[in-house]
Amino acid sequence: MTDEKRTKSIKIRVNESEFSALNNQKEKAGFSMLADYMRSVSLNLEVSAKQEYPKVDPVLQRQLSGIGNNINQIARQVNSSEIKAGDSLQIISYLSSIDKNLKQISQSWSTQK
């Protein structure tokens, strides 16, 4: 396909079960938009299989979530206009803590594999 702008549209009518079936097939094929899926199928383009993501250990997920929360707290403080000298030290402390946590998680998970 070319990167040419799409200016034409095609309207089709389907019943509820057909619509559901099309959406299910779209999901199985890994498409987020029904139009992209239908275009690929109609034009005999390669329909890629949905990418399977590996399951993440809940312990790791909780640790990463905690780190994400710390980063959000830092971002909130940095984006506020009320940053004081003491706050800067706290931000540096948060960043140091996040760095330490990431190193511990990385070391822990690299020794388990």
Protein backbone atom coordinates (compact mmCIF):
# COMPACT_ATOMS: atom_id res chain seq x y z
CA MET A 1 0.00 0.00 0.00
CA THR A 2 1.03 3.57 -0.55
CA ASP A 3 0.95 6.36 1.98
CA GLU A 4 -1.65 8.06 -0.18
CA LYS A 5 -4.40 9.86 1.75
CA ARG A 6 -7.65 7.92 1.93
CA THR A 7 -10.46 10.06 0.55
CA LYS A 8 -13.09 7.44 -0.30
CA SER A 9 -15.35 5.63 2.14
CA ILE A 10 -17.47 2.51 1.89
CA LYS A 11 -20.48 2.04 4.13
CA ILE A 12 -21.77 -1.45 4.84
CA ARG A 13 -24.55 -2.66 7.08
CA VAL A 14 -24.17 -5.65 9.36
CA ASN A 15 -26.36 -7.13 12.04
CA GLU A 16 -25.34 -7.37 15.69
CA SER A 17 -23.91 -10.90 15.45
CA GLU A 18 -21.91 -10.06 12.31
CA PHE A 19 -20.55 -6.94 13.97
CA SER A 20 -19.56 -8.94 17.04
CA ALA A 21 -17.89 -11.61 14.88
CA LEU A 22 -15.93 -8.97 12.95
CA ASN A 23 -14.75 -7.35 16.17
CA ASN A 24 -13.71 -10.73 17.57
CA GLN A 25 -11.71 -11.52 14.43
CA LYS A 26 -10.15 -8.06 14.55
CA GLU A 27 -9.02 -8.64 18.15
CA LYS A 28 -7.63 -12.10 17.36
CA ALA A 29 -5.64 -10.66 14.47
CA GLY A 30 -4.18 -7.95 16.72
CA PHE A 31 -5.83 -4.93 15.13
CA SER A 32 -7.11 -2.06 17.23
CA MET A 33 -9.31 -0.58 14.50
CA LEU A 34 -11.96 -2.51 12.62
CA ALA A 35 -11.36 -0.46 9.45
CA ASP A 36 -7.68 -1.50 9.36
CA TYR A 37 -8.61 -5.16 9.83
CA MET A 38 -11.31 -5.08 7.15
CA ARG A 39 -9.03 -3.24 4.71
CA SER A 40 -6.29 -5.85 5.21
CA VAL A 41 -8.66 -8.78 4.76
CA SER A 42 -10.49 -7.24 1.78
CA LEU A 43 -7.30 -6.36 -0.08
CA ASN A 44 -5.67 -9.73 0.68
CA LEU A 45 -2.93 -8.07 2.71
CA GLU A 46 -1.03 -10.06 5.30
CA VAL A 47 -3.01 -10.23 8.53
CA SER A 48 -0.52 -10.36 11.37
CA ALA A 49 -1.10 -12.53 14.39
CA LYS A 50 -1.69 -10.85 17.70
CA GLN A 51 1.51 -10.45 19.66
CA GLU A 52 1.52 -12.40 22.89
CA TYR A 53 3.15 -10.63 25.81
CA PRO A 54 4.80 -12.67 28.55
CA LYS A 55 3.10 -12.87 31.93
CA VAL A 56 4.75 -10.64 34.52
CA ASP A 57 5.36 -11.88 38.04
CA PRO A 58 2.99 -10.04 40.42
CA VAL A 59 5.87 -9.24 42.80
CA LEU A 60 7.80 -7.52 40.01
CA GLN A 61 4.68 -5.73 38.86
CA ARG A 62 4.09 -4.35 42.39
CA GLN A 63 7.70 -3.19 42.65
CA LEU A 64 7.55 -1.45 39.29
CA SER A 65 4.21 0.11 40.21
CA GLY A 66 5.78 1.53 43.39
CA ILE A 67 8.60 3.01 41.36
CA GLY A 68 6.09 4.52 38.96
CA ASN A 69 4.26 6.11 41.89
CA ASN A 70 7.53 7.62 43.11
CA ILE A 71 8.22 9.05 39.67
CA ASN A 72 4.72 10.57 39.57
CA GLN A 73 5.32 12.23 42.95
CA ILE A 74 8.58 13.68 41.68
CA ALA A 75 6.94 14.92 38.48
CA ARG A 76 4.19 16.60 40.50
CA GLN A 77 6.76 18.44 42.62
CA VAL A 78 8.92 19.42 39.66
CA ASN A 79 5.91 20.72 37.72
CA SER A 80 4.60 22.75 40.63
CA SER A 81 5.70 26.35 40.78
CA GLU A 82 6.33 26.15 44.52
CA ILE A 83 9.68 24.33 44.54
CA LYS A 84 11.88 25.42 47.44
CA ALA A 85 15.50 24.57 48.20
CA GLY A 86 14.41 21.89 50.68
CA ASP A 87 12.14 20.39 48.03
CA SER A 88 15.09 20.09 45.66
CA LEU A 89 16.89 17.96 48.24
CA GLN A 90 13.81 15.79 48.63
CA ILE A 91 13.59 15.35 44.86
CA ILE A 92 17.23 14.30 44.72
CA SER A 93 16.51 11.86 47.55
CA TYR A 94 13.54 10.41 45.63
CA LEU A 95 15.64 10.00 42.51
CA SER A 96 18.40 8.30 44.48
CA SER A 97 15.84 5.97 46.04
CA ILE A 98 14.37 5.09 42.65
CA ASP A 99 17.84 4.41 41.24
CA LYS A 100 18.62 2.13 44.20
CA ASN A 101 15.30 0.28 43.81
CA LEU A 102 15.82 -0.23 40.10
CA LYS A 103 19.30 -1.62 40.68
CA GLN A 104 17.97 -4.00 43.36
CA ILE A 105 15.14 -5.20 41.12
CA SER A 106 17.47 -5.63 38.17
CA GLN A 107 19.97 -7.58 40.27
CA SER A 108 17.22 -9.70 41.84
CA TRP A 109 15.61 -10.63 38.53
CA SER A 110 18.90 -11.22 36.70
CA THR A 111 19.98 -13.80 39.31
CA GLN A 112 16.64 -15.64 39.07
CA LYS A 113 16.85 -16.28 35.35
